[in-house]
Protein backbone atom coordinates (compact mmCIF):
# COMPACT_ATOMS: atom_id res chain seq x y z
CA MET A 1 114.02 92.04 138.74
CA LYS A 2 116.33 91.49 136.70
CA LYS A 3 114.99 88.81 135.34
CA LEU A 4 111.92 89.92 134.90
CA LEU A 5 112.69 92.99 132.88
CA THR A 6 114.54 90.62 130.85
CA PHE A 7 111.76 88.86 130.15
CA VAL A 8 109.71 91.80 130.11
CA MET A 9 111.85 93.22 126.95
CA ILE A 10 112.78 89.69 125.16
CA LEU A 11 108.83 89.67 125.10
CA GLY A 12 108.01 92.96 123.34
CA LEU A 13 110.66 92.61 120.98
CA THR A 14 109.07 89.40 120.05
CA LEU A 15 105.39 90.90 119.93
CA THR A 16 106.79 93.58 117.83
CA GLY A 17 108.41 91.88 115.09
CA VAL A 18 106.71 92.58 111.50
CA PRO A 19 106.32 89.25 109.64
CA ALA A 20 108.48 88.97 106.39
CA GLU A 21 105.53 89.30 104.28
CA ASN A 22 104.47 92.44 105.79
CA LYS A 23 108.34 93.41 105.64
CA ARG A 24 108.43 92.71 101.31
CA ASN A 25 105.42 94.36 100.69
CA ALA A 26 106.70 97.62 103.43
CA ALA A 27 109.90 97.73 101.46
CA ALA A 28 109.17 99.96 98.32
CA ALA A 29 107.15 102.24 100.64
CA LEU A 30 110.59 103.18 102.41
CA PHE A 31 111.60 104.64 99.33
CA THR A 32 109.52 107.40 99.00
CA ASP A 33 112.39 109.81 97.97
CA VAL A 34 113.13 107.83 94.94
CA PRO A 35 111.10 108.81 91.70
CA ASP A 36 109.06 106.31 90.12
CA ASN A 37 111.24 106.82 86.94
CA ALA A 38 114.40 106.73 88.34
CA TRP A 39 116.82 104.16 86.84
CA TYR A 40 117.69 102.31 89.61
CA LYS A 41 113.99 102.00 91.45
CA LYS A 42 113.42 98.77 90.27
CA ASP A 43 116.98 97.25 90.99
CA LEU A 44 116.58 98.72 94.81
CA GLU A 45 113.19 97.89 95.42
CA TYR A 46 114.99 93.72 94.26
CA ILE A 47 117.34 94.35 96.67
CA ALA A 48 114.92 95.50 99.59
CA ASN A 49 113.12 92.43 98.52
CA ASP A 50 115.68 89.82 98.36
CA SER A 51 115.28 87.10 100.43
CA ARG A 52 119.22 87.40 101.58
CA ARG A 53 118.15 90.34 103.27
CA ILE A 54 121.20 92.26 101.88
CA MET A 55 119.83 95.85 103.14
CA GLU A 56 118.89 94.21 106.66
CA GLY A 57 122.50 93.90 107.64
């Protein structure tokens, strides 16, 4: 039973993953509380979309 439950959990986590391209495009939408004219908006989006995944840790 434990093996089946573990398999189902791993399968579920694998299938619900978001492709990297969608993550990059969605990163800007995460910061809905940041005004468009904020001086730091471009920097925040740059860090969120960085290939080193700085903000995922």
